[in-house]
Amino acid sequence: WSVHAWLDGVNPAPGDATASSDLFAADLAEFVLALRRIDPEDAPPAHRAEPLASRDEATRAALASVGGVVDVEAVTTAWKEALAAPPHTGRPVWVHGDLQPGNVLVDDGRLTAVIDFGCTGLA
């Protein structure tokens, strides 16, 4: 990969109030929804589009190691709900596949960029 221009913003850090704003959440949701609107014809599969159950063991191990950084009980509850959700049966949609803090930029509580599209594809 390469960087061709400087993008405004910084990667959010754990506990960073800037990245936990309602504006940031809305911006990120709009980005995800915009991806889903792209025509899926002839698109490749997403690199990380396997069922969540395949990541259960690793996720629970990670949760066991982040006490004090995140609310482990709340995240575990959300994880269990996600595992119990019915599988997607609609048309395939584009997903980023790696929306983690190192791949988003935030400035003044707003999403300014999403980077690293290496895992992007259909799920």
PDB file of N, CA and C in Angstrom:
ATOM      1  N   TRP A   1       0.836  -1.171   0.000  1.00  0.00           N
ATOM      2  CA  TRP A   1       0.000   0.000   0.000  1.00  0.00           C
ATOM      3  C   TRP A   1       0.878   1.230   0.000  1.00  0.00           C
ATOM      4  N   SER A   2       0.296   2.352  -0.241  1.00  0.00           N
ATOM      5  CA  SER A   2       1.055   3.596  -0.211  1.00  0.00           C
ATOM      6  C   SER A   2       0.117   4.736   0.172  1.00  0.00           C
ATOM      7  N   VAL A   3       0.708   5.826   0.622  1.00  0.00           N
ATOM      8  CA  VAL A   3      -0.052   7.018   0.970  1.00  0.00           C
ATOM      9  C   VAL A   3       0.260   8.060  -0.088  1.00  0.00           C
ATOM     10  N   HIS A   4      -0.776   8.607  -0.700  1.00  0.00           N
ATOM     11  CA  HIS A   4      -0.587   9.579  -1.773  1.00  0.00           C
ATOM     12  C   HIS A   4      -0.871  11.009  -1.340  1.00  0.00           C
ATOM     13  N   ALA A   5      -1.579  11.179  -0.255  1.00  0.00           N
ATOM     14  CA  ALA A   5      -1.883  12.523   0.241  1.00  0.00           C
ATOM     15  C   ALA A   5      -2.114  12.418   1.748  1.00  0.00           C
ATOM     16  N   TRP A   6      -1.856  13.482   2.433  1.00  0.00           N
ATOM     17  CA  TRP A   6      -2.087  13.497   3.864  1.00  0.00           C
ATOM     18  C   TRP A   6      -3.559  13.728   4.120  1.00  0.00           C
ATOM     19  N   LEU A   7      -4.129  12.927   5.003  1.00  0.00           N
ATOM     20  CA  LEU A   7      -5.533  13.059   5.344  1.00  0.00           C
ATOM     21  C   LEU A   7      -5.643  13.646   6.739  1.00  0.00           C
ATOM     22  N   ASP A   8      -6.562  14.573   6.937  1.00  0.00           N
ATOM     23  CA  ASP A   8      -6.771  15.171   8.248  1.00  0.00           C
ATOM     24  C   ASP A   8      -7.308  14.146   9.228  1.00  0.00           C
ATOM     25  N   GLY A   9      -6.892  14.263  10.469  1.00  0.00           N
ATOM     26  CA  GLY A   9      -7.408  13.412  11.529  1.00  0.00           C
ATOM     27  C   GLY A   9      -6.329  12.542  12.136  1.00  0.00           C
ATOM     28  N   VAL A  10      -6.715  11.853  13.200  1.00  0.00           N
ATOM     29  CA  VAL A  10      -5.829  10.939  13.914  1.00  0.00           C
ATOM     30  C   VAL A  10      -6.583   9.644  14.181  1.00  0.00           C
ATOM     31  N   ASN A  11      -5.822   8.582  14.392  1.00  0.00           N
ATOM     32  CA  ASN A  11      -6.445   7.325  14.800  1.00  0.00           C
ATOM     33  C   ASN A  11      -6.948   7.479  16.224  1.00  0.00           C
ATOM     34  N   PRO A  12      -8.166   7.077  16.501  1.00  0.00           N
ATOM     35  CA  PRO A  12      -8.677   7.182  17.869  1.00  0.00           C
ATOM     36  C   PRO A  12      -7.969   6.189  18.785  1.00  0.00           C
ATOM     37  N   ALA A  13      -7.826   6.572  20.038  1.00  0.00           N
ATOM     38  CA  ALA A  13      -7.211   5.715  21.051  1.00  0.00           C
ATOM     39  C   ALA A  13      -8.298   5.228  22.003  1.00  0.00           C
ATOM     40  N   PRO A  14      -8.071   4.084  22.664  1.00  0.00           N
ATOM     41  CA  PRO A  14      -9.069   3.608  23.637  1.00  0.00           C
ATOM     42  C   PRO A  14      -9.405   4.706  24.651  1.00  0.00           C
ATOM     43  N   GLY A  15     -10.674   4.898  24.885  1.00  0.00           N
ATOM     44  CA  GLY A  15     -11.124   5.902  25.843  1.00  0.00           C
ATOM     45  C   GLY A  15     -11.143   7.314  25.300  1.00  0.00           C
ATOM     46  N   ASP A  16     -10.776   7.499  24.046  1.00  0.00           N
ATOM     47  CA  ASP A  16     -10.741   8.825  23.429  1.00  0.00           C
ATOM     48  C   ASP A  16     -12.168   9.343  23.248  1.00  0.00           C
ATOM     49  N   ALA A  17     -12.509  10.381  23.966  1.00  0.00           N
ATOM     50  CA  ALA A  17     -13.861  10.938  23.898  1.00  0.00           C
ATOM     51  C   ALA A  17     -14.190  11.444  22.499  1.00  0.00           C
ATOM     52  N   THR A  18     -13.183  11.865  21.750  1.00  0.00           N
ATOM     53  CA  THR A  18     -13.407  12.369  20.395  1.00  0.00           C
ATOM     54  C   THR A  18     -14.030  11.294  19.519  1.00  0.00           C
ATOM     55  N   ALA A  19     -13.578  10.047  19.686  1.00  0.00           N
ATOM     56  CA  ALA A  19     -14.070   8.970  18.837  1.00  0.00           C
ATOM     57  C   ALA A  19     -15.321   8.310  19.407  1.00  0.00           C
ATOM     58  N   SER A  20     -15.787   8.758  20.548  1.00  0.00           N
ATOM     59  CA  SER A  20     -17.006   8.165  21.094  1.00  0.00           C
ATOM     60  C   SER A  20     -18.183   9.133  21.002  1.00  0.00           C
ATOM     61  N   SER A  21     -18.049  10.138  20.174  1.00  0.00           N
ATOM     62  CA  SER A  21     -19.128  11.110  20.021  1.00  0.00           C
ATOM     63  C   SER A  21     -20.250  10.546  19.155  1.00  0.00           C
ATOM     64  N   ASP A  22     -21.432  11.105  19.331  1.00  0.00           N
ATOM     65  CA  ASP A  22     -22.562  10.711  18.494  1.00  0.00           C
ATOM     66  C   ASP A  22     -22.297  11.049  17.036  1.00  0.00           C
ATOM     67  N   LEU A  23     -21.577  12.144  16.776  1.00  0.00           N
ATOM     68  CA  LEU A  23     -21.279  12.532  15.399  1.00  0.00           C
ATOM     69  C   LEU A  23     -20.386  11.500  14.733  1.00  0.00           C
ATOM     70  N   PHE A  24     -19.363  11.038  15.452  1.00  0.00           N
ATOM     71  CA  PHE A  24     -18.472  10.010  14.907  1.00  0.00           C
ATOM     72  C   PHE A  24     -19.265   8.743  14.596  1.00  0.00           C
ATOM     73  N   ALA A  25     -20.108   8.323  15.540  1.00  0.00           N
ATOM     74  CA  ALA A  25     -20.913   7.118  15.333  1.00  0.00           C
ATOM     75  C   ALA A  25     -21.809   7.260  14.108  1.00  0.00           C
ATOM     76  N   ALA A  26     -22.429   8.419  13.954  1.00  0.00           N
ATOM     77  CA  ALA A  26     -23.299   8.650  12.799  1.00  0.00           C
ATOM     78  C   ALA A  26     -22.501   8.653  11.502  1.00  0.00           C
ATOM     79  N   ASP A  27     -21.326   9.274  11.523  1.00  0.00           N
ATOM     80  CA  ASP A  27     -20.473   9.293  10.330  1.00  0.00           C
ATOM     81  C   ASP A  27     -20.048   7.881   9.928  1.00  0.00           C
ATOM     82  N   LEU A  28     -19.646   7.089  10.916  1.00  0.00           N
ATOM     83  CA  LEU A  28     -19.213   5.725  10.631  1.00  0.00           C
ATOM     84  C   LEU A  28     -20.381   4.889  10.106  1.00  0.00           C
ATOM     85  N   ALA A  29     -21.554   5.062  10.690  1.00  0.00           N
ATOM     86  CA  ALA A  29     -22.737   4.349  10.212  1.00  0.00           C
ATOM     87  C   ALA A  29     -23.049   4.739   8.767  1.00  0.00           C
ATOM     88  N   GLU A  30     -22.947   6.011   8.439  1.00  0.00           N
ATOM     89  CA  GLU A  30     -23.212   6.451   7.065  1.00  0.00           C
ATOM     90  C   GLU A  30     -22.194   5.858   6.092  1.00  0.00           C
ATOM     91  N   PHE A  31     -20.932   5.741   6.510  1.00  0.00           N
ATOM     92  CA  PHE A  31     -19.919   5.112   5.662  1.00  0.00           C
ATOM     93  C   PHE A  31     -20.306   3.656   5.374  1.00  0.00           C
ATOM     94  N   VAL A  32     -20.687   2.923   6.423  1.00  0.00           N
ATOM     95  CA  VAL A  32     -21.068   1.516   6.256  1.00  0.00           C
ATOM     96  C   VAL A  32     -22.284   1.409   5.340  1.00  0.00           C
ATOM     97  N   LEU A  33     -23.270   2.256   5.538  1.00  0.00           N
ATOM     98  CA  LEU A  33     -24.464   2.231   4.692  1.00  0.00           C
ATOM     99  C   LEU A  33     -24.131   2.585   3.242  1.00  0.00           C
ATOM    100  N   ALA A  34     -23.212   3.520   3.042  1.00  0.00           N
ATOM    101  CA  ALA A  34     -22.806   3.889   1.679  1.00  0.00           C
ATOM    102  C   ALA A  34     -22.137   2.701   0.982  1.00  0.00           C
ATOM    103  N   LEU A  35     -21.303   1.968   1.703  1.00  0.00           N
ATOM    104  CA  LEU A  35     -20.681   0.774   1.116  1.00  0.00           C
ATOM    105  C   LEU A  35     -21.748  -0.227   0.678  1.00  0.00           C
ATOM    106  N   ARG A  36     -22.751  -0.401   1.511  1.00  0.00           N
ATOM    107  CA  ARG A  36     -23.802  -1.384   1.225  1.00  0.00           C
ATOM    108  C   ARG A  36     -24.606  -1.014  -0.018  1.00  0.00           C
ATOM    109  N   ARG A  37     -24.602   0.271  -0.393  1.00  0.00           N
ATOM    110  CA  ARG A  37     -25.363   0.711  -1.570  1.00  0.00           C
ATOM    111  C   ARG A  37     -24.611   0.478  -2.881  1.00  0.00           C
ATOM    112  N   ILE A  38     -23.331   0.144  -2.820  1.00  0.00           N
ATOM    113  CA  ILE A  38     -22.542  -0.074  -4.041  1.00  0.00           C
ATOM    114  C   ILE A  38     -22.987  -1.381  -4.711  1.00  0.00           C
ATOM    115  N   ASP A  39     -23.124  -1.351  -6.014  1.00  0.00           N
ATOM    116  CA  ASP A  39     -23.533  -2.529  -6.784  1.00  0.00           C
ATOM    117  C   ASP A  39     -22.563  -3.689  -6.527  1.00  0.00           C
ATOM    118  N   PRO A  40     -23.076  -4.851  -6.111  1.00  0.00           N
ATOM    119  CA  PRO A  40     -22.197  -5.974  -5.798  1.00  0.00           C
ATOM    120  C   PRO A  40     -21.778  -6.821  -7.005  1.00  0.00           C
ATOM    121  N   GLU A  41     -22.278  -6.500  -8.181  1.00  0.00           N
ATOM    122  CA  GLU A  41     -21.981  -7.331  -9.351  1.00  0.00           C
ATOM    123  C   GLU A  41     -20.472  -7.443  -9.587  1.00  0.00           C
ATOM    124  N   ASP A  42     -20.004  -8.678  -9.739  1.00  0.00           N
ATOM    125  CA  ASP A  42     -18.599  -9.007 -10.029  1.00  0.00           C
ATOM    126  C   ASP A  42     -17.621  -8.605  -8.929  1.00  0.00           C
ATOM    127  N   ALA A  43     -18.111  -8.348  -7.727  1.00  0.00           N
ATOM    128  CA  ALA A  43     -17.225  -7.962  -6.618  1.00  0.00           C
ATOM    129  C   ALA A  43     -16.607  -9.209  -5.980  1.00  0.00           C
ATOM    130  N   PRO A  44     -15.423  -9.076  -5.429  1.00  0.00           N
ATOM    131  CA  PRO A  44     -14.779 -10.213  -4.764  1.00  0.00           C
ATOM    132  C   PRO A  44     -15.387 -10.446  -3.381  1.00  0.00           C
ATOM    133  N   PRO A  45     -15.220 -11.652  -2.839  1.00  0.00           N
ATOM    134  CA  PRO A  45     -15.684 -11.865  -1.465  1.00  0.00           C
ATOM    135  C   PRO A  45     -14.798 -11.108  -0.486  1.00  0.00           C
ATOM    136  N   ALA A  46     -15.379 -10.701   0.628  1.00  0.00           N
ATOM    137  CA  ALA A  46     -14.603 -10.012   1.664  1.00  0.00           C
ATOM    138  C   ALA A  46     -13.641 -11.003   2.309  1.00  0.00           C
ATOM    139  N   HIS A  47     -12.472 -10.503   2.657  1.00  0.00           N
ATOM    140  CA  HIS A  47     -11.452 -11.336   3.284  1.00  0.00           C
ATOM    141  C   HIS A  47     -11.901 -11.845   4.644  1.00  0.00           C
ATOM    142  N   ARG A  48     -12.712 -11.101   5.362  1.00  0.00           N
ATOM    143  CA  ARG A  48     -13.148 -11.472   6.709  1.00  0.00           C
ATOM    144  C   ARG A  48     -14.666 -11.607   6.776  1.00  0.00           C
ATOM    145  N   ALA A  49     -15.239 -12.384   5.893  1.00  0.00           N
ATOM    146  CA  ALA A  49     -16.691 -12.512   5.851  1.00  0.00           C
ATOM    147  C   ALA A  49     -17.175 -13.863   6.367  1.00  0.00           C
ATOM    148  N   GLU A  50     -16.346 -14.571   7.088  1.00  0.00           N
ATOM    149  CA  GLU A  50     -16.776 -15.864   7.623  1.00  0.00           C
ATOM    150  C   GLU A  50     -17.765 -15.657   8.767  1.00  0.00           C
ATOM    151  N   PRO A  51     -18.491 -16.705   9.131  1.00  0.00           N
ATOM    152  CA  PRO A  51     -19.444 -16.572  10.239  1.00  0.00           C
ATOM    153  C   PRO A  51     -18.746 -16.170  11.544  1.00  0.00           C
ATOM    154  N   LEU A  52     -19.431 -15.383  12.371  1.00  0.00           N
ATOM    155  CA  LEU A  52     -18.857 -14.942  13.647  1.00  0.00           C
ATOM    156  C   LEU A  52     -18.429 -16.107  14.527  1.00  0.00           C
ATOM    157  N   ALA A  53     -19.168 -17.207  14.469  1.00  0.00           N
ATOM    158  CA  ALA A  53     -18.853 -18.357  15.323  1.00  0.00           C
ATOM    159  C   ALA A  53     -17.412 -18.822  15.126  1.00  0.00           C
ATOM    160  N   SER A  54     -16.861 -18.630  13.936  1.00  0.00           N
ATOM    161  CA  SER A  54     -15.477 -19.051  13.696  1.00  0.00           C
ATOM    162  C   SER A  54     -14.477 -18.188  14.459  1.00  0.00           C
ATOM    163  N   ARG A  55     -14.918 -17.043  14.962  1.00  0.00           N
ATOM    164  CA  ARG A  55     -14.049 -16.141  15.723  1.00  0.00           C
ATOM    165  C   ARG A  55     -14.373 -16.133  17.220  1.00  0.00           C
ATOM    166  N   ASP A  56     -15.259 -17.017  17.640  1.00  0.00           N
ATOM    167  CA  ASP A  56     -15.708 -17.010  19.023  1.00  0.00           C
ATOM    168  C   ASP A  56     -14.558 -17.244  20.010  1.00  0.00           C
ATOM    169  N   GLU A  57     -13.774 -18.263  19.811  1.00  0.00           N
ATOM    170  CA  GLU A  57     -12.693 -18.574  20.752  1.00  0.00           C
ATOM    171  C   GLU A  57     -11.698 -17.415  20.864  1.00  0.00           C
ATOM    172  N   ALA A  58     -11.275 -16.887  19.736  1.00  0.00           N
ATOM    173  CA  ALA A  58     -10.313 -15.778  19.753  1.00  0.00           C
ATOM    174  C   ALA A  58     -10.916 -14.524  20.382  1.00  0.00           C
ATOM    175  N   THR A  59     -12.191 -14.276  20.118  1.00  0.00           N
ATOM    176  CA  THR A  59     -12.853 -13.101  20.688  1.00  0.00           C
ATOM    177  C   THR A  59     -12.948 -13.208  22.201  1.00  0.00           C
ATOM    178  N   ARG A  60     -13.327 -14.367  22.688  1.00  0.00           N
ATOM    179  CA  ARG A  60     -13.438 -14.543  24.138  1.00  0.00           C
ATOM    180  C   ARG A  60     -12.070 -14.454  24.810  1.00  0.00           C
ATOM    181  N   ALA A  61     -11.032 -14.944  24.152  1.00  0.00           N
ATOM    182  CA  ALA A  61      -9.680 -14.817  24.698  1.00  0.00           C
ATOM    183  C   ALA A  61      -9.263 -13.351  24.747  1.00  0.00           C
ATOM    184  N   ALA A  62      -9.592 -12.611  23.699  1.00  0.00           N
ATOM    185  CA  ALA A  62      -9.258 -11.183  23.679  1.00  0.00           C
ATOM    186  C   ALA A  62     -10.017 -10.438  24.773  1.00  0.00           C
ATOM    187  N   LEU A  63     -11.286 -10.770  24.952  1.00  0.00           N
ATOM    188  CA  LEU A  63     -12.081 -10.117  25.994  1.00  0.00           C
ATOM    189  C   LEU A  63     -11.508 -10.395  27.383  1.00  0.00           C
ATOM    190  N   ALA A  64     -10.987 -11.566  27.580  1.00  0.00           N
ATOM    191  CA  ALA A  64     -10.406 -11.916  28.880  1.00  0.00           C
ATOM    192  C   ALA A  64      -9.164 -11.086  29.184  1.00  0.00           C
ATOM    193  N   SER A  65      -8.571 -10.512  28.153  1.00  0.00           N
ATOM    194  CA  SER A  65      -7.321  -9.767  28.355  1.00  0.00           C
ATOM    195  C   SER A  65      -7.493  -8.251  28.405  1.00  0.00           C
ATOM    196  N   VAL A  66      -8.720  -7.752  28.277  1.00  0.00           N
ATOM    197  CA  VAL A  66      -8.899  -6.302  28.204  1.00  0.00           C
ATOM    198  C   VAL A  66      -9.699  -5.722  29.363  1.00  0.00           C
ATOM    199  N   GLY A  67      -9.795  -6.457  30.447  1.00  0.00           N
ATOM    200  CA  GLY A  67     -10.471  -5.932  31.627  1.00  0.00           C
ATOM    201  C   GLY A  67      -9.828  -4.624  32.058  1.00  0.00           C
ATOM    202  N   GLY A  68     -10.630  -3.649  32.401  1.00  0.00           N
ATOM    203  CA  GLY A  68     -10.117  -2.346  32.791  1.00  0.00           C
ATOM    204  C   GLY A  68      -9.988  -1.380  31.626  1.00  0.00           C
ATOM    205  N   VAL A  69      -9.986  -1.908  30.408  1.00  0.00           N
ATOM    206  CA  VAL A  69      -9.911  -1.055  29.219  1.00  0.00           C
ATOM    207  C   VAL A  69     -11.300  -0.861  28.629  1.00  0.00           C
ATOM    208  N   VAL A  70     -12.066  -1.938  28.608  1.00  0.00           N
ATOM    209  CA  VAL A  70     -13.443  -1.881  28.125  1.00  0.00           C
ATOM    210  C   VAL A  70     -14.345  -2.544  29.149  1.00  0.00           C
ATOM    211  N   ASP A  71     -15.633  -2.329  29.035  1.00  0.00           N
ATOM    212  CA  ASP A  71     -16.608  -2.984  29.888  1.00  0.00           C
ATOM    213  C   ASP A  71     -16.801  -4.400  29.341  1.00  0.00           C
ATOM    214  N   VAL A  72     -16.035  -5.348  29.874  1.00  0.00           N
ATOM    215  CA  VAL A  72     -16.021  -6.706  29.346  1.00  0.00           C
ATOM    216  C   VAL A  72     -17.407  -7.346  29.404  1.00  0.00           C
ATOM    217  N   GLU A  73     -18.146  -7.099  30.468  1.00  0.00           N
ATOM    218  CA  GLU A  73     -19.479  -7.686  30.588  1.00  0.00           C
ATOM    219  C   GLU A  73     -20.393  -7.185  29.470  1.00  0.00           C
ATOM    220  N   ALA A  74     -20.368  -5.892  29.218  1.00  0.00           N
ATOM    221  CA  ALA A  74     -21.215  -5.324  28.166  1.00  0.00           C
ATOM    222  C   ALA A  74     -20.796  -5.837  26.787  1.00  0.00           C
ATOM    223  N   VAL A  75     -19.503  -5.898  26.546  1.00  0.00           N
ATOM    224  CA  VAL A  75     -19.029  -6.369  25.241  1.00  0.00           C
ATOM    225  C   VAL A  75     -19.347  -7.852  25.065  1.00  0.00           C
ATOM    226  N   THR A  76     -19.199  -8.631  26.130  1.00  0.00           N
ATOM    227  CA  THR A  76     -19.531 -10.054  26.054  1.00  0.00           C
ATOM    228  C   THR A  76     -21.013 -10.244  25.760  1.00  0.00           C
ATOM    229  N   THR A  77     -21.863  -9.443  26.380  1.00  0.00           N
ATOM    230  CA  THR A  77     -23.298  -9.515  26.109  1.00  0.00           C
ATOM    231  C   THR A  77     -23.577  -9.197  24.643  1.00  0.00           C
ATOM    232  N   ALA A  78     -22.954  -8.138  24.132  1.00  0.00           N
ATOM    233  CA  ALA A  78     -23.140  -7.769  22.720  1.00  0.00           C
ATOM    234  C   ALA A  78     -22.631  -8.881  21.808  1.00  0.00           C
ATOM    235  N   TRP A  79     -21.501  -9.485  22.172  1.00  0.00           N
ATOM    236  CA  TRP A  79     -20.926 -10.578  21.371  1.00  0.00           C
ATOM    237  C   TRP A  79     -21.891 -11.769  21.332  1.00  0.00           C
ATOM    238  N   LYS A  80     -22.454 -12.142  22.483  1.00  0.00           N
ATOM    239  CA  LYS A  80     -23.403 -13.260  22.532  1.00  0.00           C
ATOM    240  C   LYS A  80     -24.635 -12.967  21.681  1.00  0.00           C
ATOM    241  N   GLU A  81     -25.111 -11.719  21.717  1.00  0.00           N
ATOM    242  CA  GLU A  81     -26.258 -11.344  20.896  1.00  0.00           C
ATOM    243  C   GLU A  81     -25.915 -11.422  19.415  1.00  0.00           C
ATOM    244  N   ALA A  82     -24.713 -11.006  19.065  1.00  0.00           N
ATOM    245  CA  ALA A  82     -24.283 -11.081  17.664  1.00  0.00           C
ATOM    246  C   ALA A  82     -24.198 -12.539  17.205  1.00  0.00           C
ATOM    247  N   LEU A  83     -23.675 -13.403  18.057  1.00  0.00           N
ATOM    248  CA  LEU A  83     -23.582 -14.827  17.711  1.00  0.00           C
ATOM    249  C   LEU A  83     -24.958 -15.449  17.509  1.00  0.00           C
ATOM    250  N   ALA A  84     -25.938 -14.989  18.282  1.00  0.00           N
ATOM    251  CA  ALA A  84     -27.287 -15.545  18.209  1.00  0.00           C
ATOM    252  C   ALA A  84     -28.105 -14.972  17.056  1.00  0.00           C
ATOM    253  N   ALA A  85     -27.632 -13.913  16.438  1.00  0.00           N
ATOM    254  CA  ALA A  85     -28.387 -13.284  15.350  1.00  0.00           C
ATOM    255  C   ALA A  85     -28.486 -14.238  14.160  1.00  0.00           C
ATOM    256  N   PRO A  86     -29.615 -14.195  13.451  1.00  0.00           N
ATOM    257  CA  PRO A  86     -29.735 -15.061  12.273  1.00  0.00           C
ATOM    258  C   PRO A  86     -28.742 -14.633  11.199  1.00  0.00           C
ATOM    259  N   PRO A  87     -28.297 -15.584  10.381  1.00  0.00           N
ATOM    260  CA  PRO A  87     -27.338 -15.233   9.322  1.00  0.00           C
ATOM    261  C   PRO A  87     -27.970 -14.316   8.281  1.00  0.00           C
ATOM    262  N   HIS A  88     -27.129 -13.550   7.628  1.00  0.00           N
ATOM    263  CA  HIS A  88     -27.583 -12.665   6.557  1.00  0.00           C
ATOM    264  C   HIS A  88     -28.080 -13.524   5.402  1.00  0.00           C
ATOM    265  N   THR A  89     -29.310 -13.286   4.956  1.00  0.00           N
ATOM    266  CA  THR A  89     -29.868 -14.061   3.852  1.00  0.00           C
ATOM    267  C   THR A  89     -30.231 -13.182   2.657  1.00  0.00           C
ATOM    268  N   GLY A  90     -29.974 -11.886   2.781  1.00  0.00           N
ATOM    269  CA  GLY A  90     -30.273 -10.970   1.685  1.00  0.00           C
ATOM    270  C   GLY A  90     -29.190 -11.001   0.612  1.00  0.00           C
ATOM    271  N   ARG A  91     -29.278 -10.073  -0.285  1.00  0.00           N
ATOM    272  CA  ARG A  91     -28.279 -10.007  -1.349  1.00  0.00           C
ATOM    273  C   ARG A  91     -26.922  -9.673  -0.730  1.00  0.00           C
ATOM    274  N   PRO A  92     -25.839 -10.106  -1.356  1.00  0.00           N
ATOM    275  CA  PRO A  92     -24.517  -9.760  -0.833  1.00  0.00           C
ATOM    276  C   PRO A  92     -24.325  -8.244  -0.825  1.00  0.00           C
ATOM    277  N   VAL A  93     -23.595  -7.760   0.157  1.00  0.00           N
ATOM    278  CA  VAL A  93     -23.308  -6.328   0.268  1.00  0.00           C
ATOM    279  C   VAL A  93     -21.813  -6.133   0.503  1.00  0.00           C
ATOM    280  N   TRP A  94     -21.320  -4.965   0.120  1.00  0.00           N
ATOM    281  CA  TRP A  94     -19.930  -4.603   0.354  1.00  0.00           C
ATOM    282  C   TRP A  94     -19.708  -4.367   1.847  1.00  0.00           C
ATOM    283  N   VAL A  95     -18.580  -4.835   2.353  1.00  0.00           N
ATOM    284  CA  VAL A  95     -18.150  -4.566   3.721  1.00  0.00           C
ATOM    285  C   VAL A  95     -16.681  -4.164   3.691  1.00  0.00           C
ATOM    286  N   HIS A  96     -16.274  -3.356   4.659  1.00  0.00           N
ATOM    287  CA  HIS A  96     -14.879  -2.945   4.764  1.00  0.00           C
ATOM    288  C   HIS A  96     -14.027  -4.088   5.303  1.00  0.00           C
ATOM    289  N   GLY A  97     -14.479  -4.758   6.340  1.00  0.00           N
ATOM    290  CA  GLY A  97     -13.783  -5.911   6.876  1.00  0.00           C
ATOM    291  C   GLY A  97     -12.712  -5.622   7.909  1.00  0.00           C
ATOM    292  N   ASP A  98     -12.366  -4.351   8.121  1.00  0.00           N
ATOM    293  CA  ASP A  98     -11.302  -4.034   9.085  1.00  0.00           C
ATOM    294  C   ASP A  98     -11.504  -2.640   9.672  1.00  0.00           C
ATOM    295  N   LEU A  99     -12.716  -2.365  10.129  1.00  0.00           N
ATOM    296  CA  LEU A  99     -13.016  -1.053  10.708  1.00  0.00           C
ATOM    297  C   LEU A  99     -12.578  -1.020  12.171  1.00  0.00           C
ATOM    298  N   GLN A 100     -11.296  -0.924  12.361  1.00  0.00           N
ATOM    299  CA  GLN A 100     -10.719  -0.834  13.700  1.00  0.00           C
ATOM    300  C   GLN A 100     -10.028   0.517  13.821  1.00  0.00           C
ATOM    301  N   PRO A 101      -9.656   0.937  15.037  1.00  0.00           N
ATOM    302  CA  PRO A 101      -9.134   2.296  15.226  1.00  0.00           C
ATOM    303  C   PRO A 101      -7.962   2.682  14.318  1.00  0.00           C
ATOM    304  N   GLY A 102      -7.118   1.740  13.974  1.00  0.00           N
ATOM    305  CA  GLY A 102      -5.994   2.068  13.101  1.00  0.00           C
ATOM    306  C   GLY A 102      -6.380   2.361  11.671  1.00  0.00           C
ATOM    307  N   ASN A 103      -7.630   2.098  11.314  1.00  0.00           N
ATOM    308  CA  ASN A 103      -8.073   2.318   9.942  1.00  0.00           C
ATOM    309  C   ASN A 103      -9.125   3.400   9.791  1.00  0.00           C
ATOM    310  N   VAL A 104      -9.329   4.171  10.848  1.00  0.00           N
ATOM    311  CA  VAL A 104     -10.213   5.333  10.742  1.00  0.00           C
ATOM    312  C   VAL A 104      -9.471   6.554  11.278  1.00  0.00           C
ATOM    313  N   LEU A 105      -9.824   7.689  10.751  1.00  0.00           N
ATOM    314  CA  LEU A 105      -9.260   8.952  11.215  1.00  0.00           C
ATOM    315  C   LEU A 105     -10.390   9.829  11.725  1.00  0.00           C
ATOM    316  N   VAL A 106     -10.122  10.502  12.839  1.00  0.00           N
ATOM    317  CA  VAL A 106     -11.117  11.331  13.508  1.00  0.00           C
ATOM    318  C   VAL A 106     -10.523  12.712  13.746  1.00  0.00           C
ATOM    319  N   ASP A 107     -11.349  13.735  13.573  1.00  0.00           N
ATOM    320  CA  ASP A 107     -10.935  15.097  13.893  1.00  0.00           C
ATOM    321  C   ASP A 107     -12.153  15.829  14.442  1.00  0.00           C
ATOM    322  N   ASP A 108     -11.997  16.412  15.605  1.00  0.00           N
ATOM    323  CA  ASP A 108     -13.057  17.186  16.239  1.00  0.00           C
ATOM    324  C   ASP A 108     -14.362  16.396  16.349  1.00  0.00           C
ATOM    325  N   GLY A 109     -14.243  15.100  16.705  1.00  0.00           N
ATOM    326  CA  GLY A 109     -15.426  14.276  16.903  1.00  0.00           C
ATOM    327  C   GLY A 109     -16.079  13.745  15.656  1.00  0.00           C
ATOM    328  N   ARG A 110     -15.467  13.975  14.483  1.00  0.00           N
ATOM    329  CA  ARG A 110     -16.060  13.538  13.214  1.00  0.00           C
ATOM    330  C   ARG A 110     -15.125  12.570  12.511  1.00  0.00           C
ATOM    331  N   LEU A 111     -15.690  11.607  11.819  1.00  0.00           N
ATOM    332  CA  LEU A 111     -14.923  10.715  10.969  1.00  0.00           C
ATOM    333  C   LEU A 111     -14.415  11.526   9.789  1.00  0.00           C
ATOM    334  N   THR A 112     -13.104  11.514   9.560  1.00  0.00           N
ATOM    335  CA  THR A 112     -12.561  12.253   8.423  1.00  0.00           C
ATOM    336  C   THR A 112     -12.076  11.338   7.309  1.00  0.00           C
ATOM    337  N   ALA A 113     -11.781  10.078   7.632  1.00  0.00           N
ATOM    338  CA  ALA A 113     -11.319   9.151   6.601  1.00  0.00           C
ATOM    339  C   ALA A 113     -11.412   7.723   7.093  1.00  0.00           C
ATOM    340  N   VAL A 114     -11.583   6.824   6.144  1.00  0.00           N
ATOM    341  CA  VAL A 114     -11.460   5.392   6.371  1.00  0.00           C
ATOM    342  C   VAL A 114     -10.350   4.929   5.422  1.00  0.00           C
ATOM    343  N   ILE A 115      -9.398   4.174   5.964  1.00  0.00           N
ATOM    344  CA  ILE A 115      -8.264   3.743   5.161  1.00  0.00           C
ATOM    345  C   ILE A 115      -8.159   2.216   5.178  1.00  0.00           C
ATOM    346  N   ASP A 116      -7.214   1.678   4.445  1.00  0.00           N
ATOM    347  CA  ASP A 116      -6.901   0.252   4.358  1.00  0.00           C
ATOM    348  C   ASP A 116      -8.092  -0.564   3.888  1.00  0.00           C
ATOM    349  N   PHE A 117      -8.261  -0.605   2.596  1.00  0.00           N
ATOM    350  CA  PHE A 117      -9.380  -1.326   2.000  1.00  0.00           C
ATOM    351  C   PHE A 117      -8.993  -2.734   1.561  1.00  0.00           C
ATOM    352  N   GLY A 118      -7.920  -3.284   2.125  1.00  0.00           N
ATOM    353  CA  GLY A 118      -7.439  -4.610   1.746  1.00  0.00           C
ATOM    354  C   GLY A 118      -8.391  -5.750   2.043  1.00  0.00           C
ATOM    355  N   CYS A 119      -9.270  -5.599   3.002  1.00  0.00           N
ATOM    356  CA  CYS A 119     -10.229  -6.663   3.361  1.00  0.00           C
ATOM    357  C   CYS A 119     -11.624  -6.383   2.798  1.00  0.00           C
ATOM    358  N   THR A 120     -11.746  -5.373   1.952  1.00  0.00           N
ATOM    359  CA  THR A 120     -13.051  -4.978   1.433  1.00  0.00           C
ATOM    360  C   THR A 120     -13.538  -5.963   0.392  1.00  0.00           C
ATOM    361  N   GLY A 121     -14.812  -6.277   0.443  1.00  0.00           N
ATOM    362  CA  GLY A 121     -15.425  -7.171  -0.523  1.00  0.00           C
ATOM    363  C   GLY A 121     -16.848  -7.463  -0.119  1.00  0.00           C
ATOM    364  N   LEU A 122     -17.410  -8.522  -0.681  1.00  0.00           N
ATOM    365  CA  LEU A 122     -18.798  -8.866  -0.414  1.00  0.00           C
ATOM    366  C   LEU A 122     -18.937  -9.826   0.752  1.00  0.00           C
ATOM    367  N   ALA A 123     -19.989  -9.611   1.511  1.00  0.00           N
ATOM    368  CA  ALA A 123     -20.347 -10.536   2.584  1.00  0.00           C
ATOM    369  C   ALA A 123     -21.825 -10.838   2.455  1.00  0.00           C
TER     370      ALA A 123
END
